Amino acid sequence: MRIILLVGPSGSGKDSLLRFARKAFKSDASIVFARRYITRPPDTSEDNYYIDAIAFAHLEAAGFFLSTWRAHGNLYGIADHLFSDRQPYAVLICPVSRAAIADFEGHDPHATTIEISVDKDVLRKRLQGRGREQDGDIDRRLRRADQPVLARNHIRFDNSAPLERSGQRFVTLLNSLTVQSCPVDRTVTVFEVNR
């Protein structure tokens, strides 16, 4: 099974790209998009399992998750059973925190991490437009976006363009990854989107 991790700052458009890719691959049973378990209240733009913190703690104690992380006061996790060799799919795409990359690389050292990046001004406007954060929170998120992503196989994808253009490029990238053999460790590729 090939594991593709998707990381990037809040507001970079990860969920929009995932929705675009799900539609593009909806008839391809070999590609599965992992759903996260999260304790944050539901958001219509995301496809997650929403559970409370007590249920999350019970699942975590039972070893249900391959990886869990905390972000902005909420708990996130990806179920361990998705990574079983008995699963019928060939590619698993997981939206995760950059802090969780090592957990997945420990399970599969050939996992590929796609970092979704976006122009700083675009990111600020997106964060302001959704109205979840105060200005101080936005500044903290912008600073965090500058931190390097530590991954063995790292691809940076610029998502500053309109969704129709960047979505097509994202699908092209995923297609190229599903047919490639495992990449060489410590590679960094910049997959830029023409604006």
C-alpha atoms as a PDB file:
ATOM      1  CA  MET A   1       0.000   0.000   0.000  1.00  0.00           C
ATOM      2  CA  ARG A   2       1.216   3.491  -0.800  1.00  0.00           C
ATOM      3  CA  ILE A   3       0.661   6.138   1.899  1.00  0.00           C
ATOM      4  CA  ILE A   4       0.345   9.779   0.873  1.00  0.00           C
ATOM      5  CA  LEU A   5       0.205  12.324   3.698  1.00  0.00           C
ATOM      6  CA  LEU A   6      -1.303  15.747   3.169  1.00  0.00           C
ATOM      7  CA  VAL A   7      -0.145  18.590   5.436  1.00  0.00           C
ATOM      8  CA  GLY A   8      -0.345  22.357   5.352  1.00  0.00           C
ATOM      9  CA  PRO A   9      -1.431  25.349   7.386  1.00  0.00           C
ATOM     10  CA  SER A  10      -5.056  25.970   8.181  1.00  0.00           C
ATOM     11  CA  GLY A  11      -6.494  27.981   5.295  1.00  0.00           C
ATOM     12  CA  SER A  12      -4.117  26.540   2.686  1.00  0.00           C
ATOM     13  CA  GLY A  13      -7.005  24.766   0.971  1.00  0.00           C
ATOM     14  CA  LYS A  14      -6.328  21.133   1.918  1.00  0.00           C
ATOM     15  CA  ASP A  15     -10.014  20.282   2.296  1.00  0.00           C
ATOM     16  CA  SER A  16     -10.924  21.953  -1.007  1.00  0.00           C
ATOM     17  CA  LEU A  17      -8.224  19.968  -2.805  1.00  0.00           C
ATOM     18  CA  LEU A  18      -9.352  16.763  -1.102  1.00  0.00           C
ATOM     19  CA  ARG A  19     -12.967  17.325  -2.195  1.00  0.00           C
ATOM     20  CA  PHE A  20     -11.775  17.979  -5.749  1.00  0.00           C
ATOM     21  CA  ALA A  21      -9.636  14.826  -5.731  1.00  0.00           C
ATOM     22  CA  ARG A  22     -12.402  12.666  -4.226  1.00  0.00           C
ATOM     23  CA  LYS A  23     -14.654  13.585  -7.132  1.00  0.00           C
ATOM     24  CA  ALA A  24     -11.886  12.893  -9.648  1.00  0.00           C
ATOM     25  CA  PHE A  25     -11.142   9.445  -8.161  1.00  0.00           C
ATOM     26  CA  LYS A  26     -14.679   8.472  -7.089  1.00  0.00           C
ATOM     27  CA  SER A  27     -14.765   5.492  -9.473  1.00  0.00           C
ATOM     28  CA  ASP A  28     -11.255   4.288  -8.577  1.00  0.00           C
ATOM     29  CA  ALA A  29     -11.531   1.789  -5.713  1.00  0.00           C
ATOM     30  CA  SER A  30      -7.735   1.506  -5.486  1.00  0.00           C
ATOM     31  CA  ILE A  31      -7.485   4.998  -3.931  1.00  0.00           C
ATOM     32  CA  VAL A  32      -9.000   5.720  -0.504  1.00  0.00           C
ATOM     33  CA  PHE A  33      -9.147   9.023   1.362  1.00  0.00           C
ATOM     34  CA  ALA A  34      -8.779   8.560   5.122  1.00  0.00           C
ATOM     35  CA  ARG A  35     -11.264  10.336   7.356  1.00  0.00           C
ATOM     36  CA  ARG A  36      -9.932  11.836  10.579  1.00  0.00           C
ATOM     37  CA  TYR A  37     -11.557  11.498  13.976  1.00  0.00           C
ATOM     38  CA  ILE A  38     -11.732  14.970  15.529  1.00  0.00           C
ATOM     39  CA  THR A  39     -13.206  16.590  18.621  1.00  0.00           C
ATOM     40  CA  ARG A  40     -13.776  19.997  16.992  1.00  0.00           C
ATOM     41  CA  PRO A  41     -17.406  20.792  16.145  1.00  0.00           C
ATOM     42  CA  PRO A  42     -18.411  19.801  12.593  1.00  0.00           C
ATOM     43  CA  ASP A  43     -17.502  22.005   9.644  1.00  0.00           C
ATOM     44  CA  THR A  44     -19.423  21.542   6.390  1.00  0.00           C
ATOM     45  CA  SER A  45     -16.223  21.950   4.349  1.00  0.00           C
ATOM     46  CA  GLU A  46     -14.609  18.820   5.844  1.00  0.00           C
ATOM     47  CA  ASP A  47     -15.236  15.072   5.755  1.00  0.00           C
ATOM     48  CA  ASN A  48     -14.387  13.823   9.249  1.00  0.00           C
ATOM     49  CA  TYR A  49     -15.784  11.699  12.064  1.00  0.00           C
ATOM     50  CA  TYR A  50     -16.768  14.022  14.919  1.00  0.00           C
ATOM     51  CA  ILE A  51     -16.579  12.570  18.447  1.00  0.00           C
ATOM     52  CA  ASP A  52     -16.287  14.067  21.907  1.00  0.00           C
ATOM     53  CA  ALA A  53     -13.058  14.069  23.923  1.00  0.00           C
ATOM     54  CA  ILE A  54     -14.195  11.211  26.196  1.00  0.00           C
ATOM     55  CA  ALA A  55     -14.940   8.899  23.263  1.00  0.00           C
ATOM     56  CA  PHE A  56     -11.643   9.926  21.665  1.00  0.00           C
ATOM     57  CA  ALA A  57      -9.748   9.040  24.871  1.00  0.00           C
ATOM     58  CA  HIS A  58     -11.423   5.603  25.010  1.00  0.00           C
ATOM     59  CA  LEU A  59     -10.500   4.864  21.388  1.00  0.00           C
ATOM     60  CA  GLU A  60      -6.934   6.042  21.953  1.00  0.00           C
ATOM     61  CA  ALA A  61      -6.543   3.877  25.077  1.00  0.00           C
ATOM     62  CA  ALA A  62      -7.844   0.868  23.131  1.00  0.00           C
ATOM     63  CA  GLY A  63      -5.147   1.327  20.460  1.00  0.00           C
ATOM     64  CA  PHE A  64      -7.659   2.282  17.773  1.00  0.00           C
ATOM     65  CA  PHE A  65      -5.442   4.996  16.231  1.00  0.00           C
ATOM     66  CA  LEU A  66      -2.190   4.715  14.304  1.00  0.00           C
ATOM     67  CA  SER A  67      -1.523   8.367  15.125  1.00  0.00           C
ATOM     68  CA  THR A  68      -3.119  11.118  17.197  1.00  0.00           C
ATOM     69  CA  TRP A  69      -2.270  14.779  17.643  1.00  0.00           C
ATOM     70  CA  ARG A  70      -3.548  17.925  19.300  1.00  0.00           C
ATOM     71  CA  ALA A  71      -4.010  21.170  17.380  1.00  0.00           C
ATOM     72  CA  HIS A  72      -5.663  24.408  18.467  1.00  0.00           C
ATOM     73  CA  GLY A  73      -7.244  22.745  21.516  1.00  0.00           C
ATOM     74  CA  ASN A  74      -8.745  19.810  19.578  1.00  0.00           C
ATOM     75  CA  LEU A  75      -7.826  16.143  19.232  1.00  0.00           C
ATOM     76  CA  TYR A  76      -7.271  14.428  15.880  1.00  0.00           C
ATOM     77  CA  GLY A  77      -6.612  10.820  14.975  1.00  0.00           C
ATOM     78  CA  ILE A  78      -6.335   8.395  12.053  1.00  0.00           C
ATOM     79  CA  ALA A  79      -7.588   4.837  12.579  1.00  0.00           C
ATOM     80  CA  ASP A  80      -4.961   2.096  12.609  1.00  0.00           C
ATOM     81  CA  HIS A  81      -7.103  -0.465  10.722  1.00  0.00           C
ATOM     82  CA  LEU A  82      -6.811   1.642   7.530  1.00  0.00           C
ATOM     83  CA  PHE A  83      -3.177   0.519   7.254  1.00  0.00           C
ATOM     84  CA  SER A  84      -3.836  -3.232   7.344  1.00  0.00           C
ATOM     85  CA  ASP A  85      -2.324  -5.318   4.539  1.00  0.00           C
ATOM     86  CA  ARG A  86      -5.759  -6.914   4.162  1.00  0.00           C
ATOM     87  CA  GLN A  87      -7.282  -3.670   2.840  1.00  0.00           C
ATOM     88  CA  PRO A  88      -8.232  -3.907  -0.850  1.00  0.00           C
ATOM     89  CA  TYR A  89      -6.914  -0.503  -1.907  1.00  0.00           C
ATOM     90  CA  ALA A  90      -3.423   0.397  -3.166  1.00  0.00           C
ATOM     91  CA  VAL A  91      -3.205   4.073  -2.130  1.00  0.00           C
ATOM     92  CA  LEU A  92      -4.294   5.725   1.127  1.00  0.00           C
ATOM     93  CA  ILE A  93      -4.365   9.529   1.275  1.00  0.00           C
ATOM     94  CA  CYS A  94      -4.328  10.953   4.822  1.00  0.00           C
ATOM     95  CA  PRO A  95      -4.740  14.590   5.906  1.00  0.00           C
ATOM     96  CA  VAL A  96      -2.517  14.920   8.987  1.00  0.00           C
ATOM     97  CA  SER A  97      -0.577  17.364  11.123  1.00  0.00           C
ATOM     98  CA  ARG A  98       3.081  17.882  10.342  1.00  0.00           C
ATOM     99  CA  ALA A  99       3.723  16.764  13.931  1.00  0.00           C
ATOM    100  CA  ALA A 100       2.318  13.320  13.055  1.00  0.00           C
ATOM    101  CA  ILE A 101       4.451  12.636   9.970  1.00  0.00           C
ATOM    102  CA  ALA A 102       6.998  10.577  11.941  1.00  0.00           C
ATOM    103  CA  ASP A 103       4.241   8.199  13.149  1.00  0.00           C
ATOM    104  CA  PHE A 104       3.296   7.347   9.566  1.00  0.00           C
ATOM    105  CA  GLU A 105       6.912   7.144   8.399  1.00  0.00           C
ATOM    106  CA  GLY A 106       7.517   4.711  11.277  1.00  0.00           C
ATOM    107  CA  HIS A 107       4.774   2.534   9.811  1.00  0.00           C
ATOM    108  CA  ASP A 108       5.934   3.042   6.214  1.00  0.00           C
ATOM    109  CA  PRO A 109       9.331   4.673   5.614  1.00  0.00           C
ATOM    110  CA  HIS A 110       8.349   5.259   1.975  1.00  0.00           C
ATOM    111  CA  ALA A 111       5.307   7.406   2.833  1.00  0.00           C
ATOM    112  CA  THR A 112       5.171  10.566   0.723  1.00  0.00           C
ATOM    113  CA  THR A 113       4.241  13.895   2.311  1.00  0.00           C
ATOM    114  CA  ILE A 114       2.608  16.590   0.202  1.00  0.00           C
ATOM    115  CA  GLU A 115       2.860  19.996   1.834  1.00  0.00           C
ATOM    116  CA  ILE A 116       0.110  22.331   0.643  1.00  0.00           C
ATOM    117  CA  SER A 117       1.485  25.868   0.614  1.00  0.00           C
ATOM    118  CA  VAL A 118      -0.074  29.152  -0.374  1.00  0.00           C
ATOM    119  CA  ASP A 119       1.063  32.735  -0.828  1.00  0.00           C
ATOM    120  CA  LYS A 120       1.080  34.533   2.551  1.00  0.00           C
ATOM    121  CA  ASP A 121      -1.336  37.272   1.434  1.00  0.00           C
ATOM    122  CA  VAL A 122      -3.735  34.676   0.046  1.00  0.00           C
ATOM    123  CA  LEU A 123      -3.498  32.676   3.276  1.00  0.00           C
ATOM    124  CA  ARG A 124      -4.219  35.734   5.422  1.00  0.00           C
ATOM    125  CA  LYS A 125      -7.292  36.601   3.311  1.00  0.00           C
ATOM    126  CA  ARG A 126      -8.597  33.046   3.510  1.00  0.00           C
ATOM    127  CA  LEU A 127      -8.192  32.951   7.287  1.00  0.00           C
ATOM    128  CA  GLN A 128      -9.880  36.313   7.686  1.00  0.00           C
ATOM    129  CA  GLY A 129     -12.685  35.286   5.335  1.00  0.00           C
ATOM    130  CA  ARG A 130     -13.716  32.198   7.269  1.00  0.00           C
ATOM    131  CA  GLY A 131     -14.063  34.185  10.515  1.00  0.00           C
ATOM    132  CA  ARG A 132     -12.835  31.472  12.917  1.00  0.00           C
ATOM    133  CA  GLU A 133      -9.705  33.264  14.159  1.00  0.00           C
ATOM    134  CA  GLN A 134      -8.879  36.618  15.707  1.00  0.00           C
ATOM    135  CA  ASP A 135      -5.999  38.664  14.253  1.00  0.00           C
ATOM    136  CA  GLY A 136      -3.539  37.315  16.854  1.00  0.00           C
ATOM    137  CA  ASP A 137      -4.500  33.742  15.983  1.00  0.00           C
ATOM    138  CA  ILE A 138      -4.064  34.491  12.292  1.00  0.00           C
ATOM    139  CA  ASP A 139      -0.573  35.883  12.906  1.00  0.00           C
ATOM    140  CA  ARG A 140       0.370  32.748  14.867  1.00  0.00           C
ATOM    141  CA  ARG A 141      -0.917  30.527  12.065  1.00  0.00           C
ATOM    142  CA  LEU A 142       1.055  32.536   9.495  1.00  0.00           C
ATOM    143  CA  ARG A 143       4.241  32.154  11.552  1.00  0.00           C
ATOM    144  CA  ARG A 144       3.634  28.413  11.915  1.00  0.00           C
ATOM    145  CA  ALA A 145       3.226  28.133   8.135  1.00  0.00           C
ATOM    146  CA  ASP A 146       6.897  29.205   7.814  1.00  0.00           C
ATOM    147  CA  GLN A 147       8.147  26.240   9.846  1.00  0.00           C
ATOM    148  CA  PRO A 148       9.829  23.563   7.741  1.00  0.00           C
ATOM    149  CA  VAL A 149       8.074  20.255   7.143  1.00  0.00           C
ATOM    150  CA  LEU A 150      10.321  17.396   8.221  1.00  0.00           C
ATOM    151  CA  ALA A 151       9.593  14.403   6.013  1.00  0.00           C
ATOM    152  CA  ARG A 152      11.660  11.795   4.200  1.00  0.00           C
ATOM    153  CA  ASN A 153       9.798  12.176   0.909  1.00  0.00           C
ATOM    154  CA  HIS A 154       8.514  15.728   0.666  1.00  0.00           C
ATOM    155  CA  ILE A 155       6.636  17.465  -2.131  1.00  0.00           C
ATOM    156  CA  ARG A 156       5.607  21.118  -1.815  1.00  0.00           C
ATOM    157  CA  PHE A 157       2.432  21.962  -3.750  1.00  0.00           C
ATOM    158  CA  ASP A 158       1.593  25.650  -4.307  1.00  0.00           C
ATOM    159  CA  ASN A 159      -2.180  26.080  -3.937  1.00  0.00           C
ATOM    160  CA  SER A 160      -2.345  29.853  -4.511  1.00  0.00           C
ATOM    161  CA  ALA A 161      -4.202  29.546  -7.831  1.00  0.00           C
ATOM    162  CA  PRO A 162      -8.004  29.270  -8.204  1.00  0.00           C
ATOM    163  CA  LEU A 163      -9.393  25.862  -7.221  1.00  0.00           C
ATOM    164  CA  GLU A 164     -10.261  24.661 -10.717  1.00  0.00           C
ATOM    165  CA  ARG A 165      -6.653  25.124 -11.858  1.00  0.00           C
ATOM    166  CA  SER A 166      -4.903  23.946  -8.706  1.00  0.00           C
ATOM    167  CA  GLY A 167      -7.363  21.061  -8.283  1.00  0.00           C
ATOM    168  CA  GLN A 168      -6.517  19.703 -11.735  1.00  0.00           C
ATOM    169  CA  ARG A 169      -2.806  20.009 -10.978  1.00  0.00           C
ATOM    170  CA  PHE A 170      -3.326  18.254  -7.633  1.00  0.00           C
ATOM    171  CA  VAL A 171      -5.105  15.347  -9.345  1.00  0.00           C
ATOM    172  CA  THR A 172      -2.238  15.156 -11.855  1.00  0.00           C
ATOM    173  CA  LEU A 173       0.237  14.993  -8.977  1.00  0.00           C
ATOM    174  CA  LEU A 174      -1.728  12.232  -7.213  1.00  0.00           C
ATOM    175  CA  ASN A 175      -1.934  10.278 -10.468  1.00  0.00           C
ATOM    176  CA  SER A 176       1.837  10.523 -10.899  1.00  0.00           C
ATOM    177  CA  LEU A 177       2.417   9.291  -7.337  1.00  0.00           C
ATOM    178  CA  THR A 178       0.103   6.309  -7.671  1.00  0.00           C
ATOM    179  CA  VAL A 179       2.047   4.931 -10.637  1.00  0.00           C
ATOM    180  CA  GLN A 180       5.580   5.692  -9.415  1.00  0.00           C
ATOM    181  CA  SER A 181       7.690   3.310  -7.419  1.00  0.00           C
ATOM    182  CA  CYS A 182       8.646   4.475  -3.917  1.00  0.00           C
ATOM    183  CA  PRO A 183      10.717   7.670  -4.040  1.00  0.00           C
ATOM    184  CA  VAL A 184      14.257   7.982  -2.772  1.00  0.00           C
ATOM    185  CA  ASP A 185      14.513   9.144   0.839  1.00  0.00           C
ATOM    186  CA  ARG A 186      15.026  12.836   1.545  1.00  0.00           C
ATOM    187  CA  THR A 187      13.712  14.084  -1.787  1.00  0.00           C
ATOM    188  CA  VAL A 188      12.100  17.492  -1.991  1.00  0.00           C
ATOM    189  CA  THR A 189      10.074  18.463  -5.019  1.00  0.00           C
ATOM    190  CA  VAL A 190       8.327  21.759  -5.600  1.00  0.00           C
ATOM    191  CA  PHE A 191       5.153  21.244  -7.603  1.00  0.00           C
ATOM    192  CA  GLU A 192       4.246  24.793  -8.505  1.00  0.00           C
ATOM    193  CA  VAL A 193       0.878  25.868  -9.864  1.00  0.00           C
ATOM    194  CA  ASN A 194       0.994  28.529 -12.543  1.00  0.00           C
ATOM    195  CA  ARG A 195      -1.099  31.455 -11.365  1.00  0.00           C
END
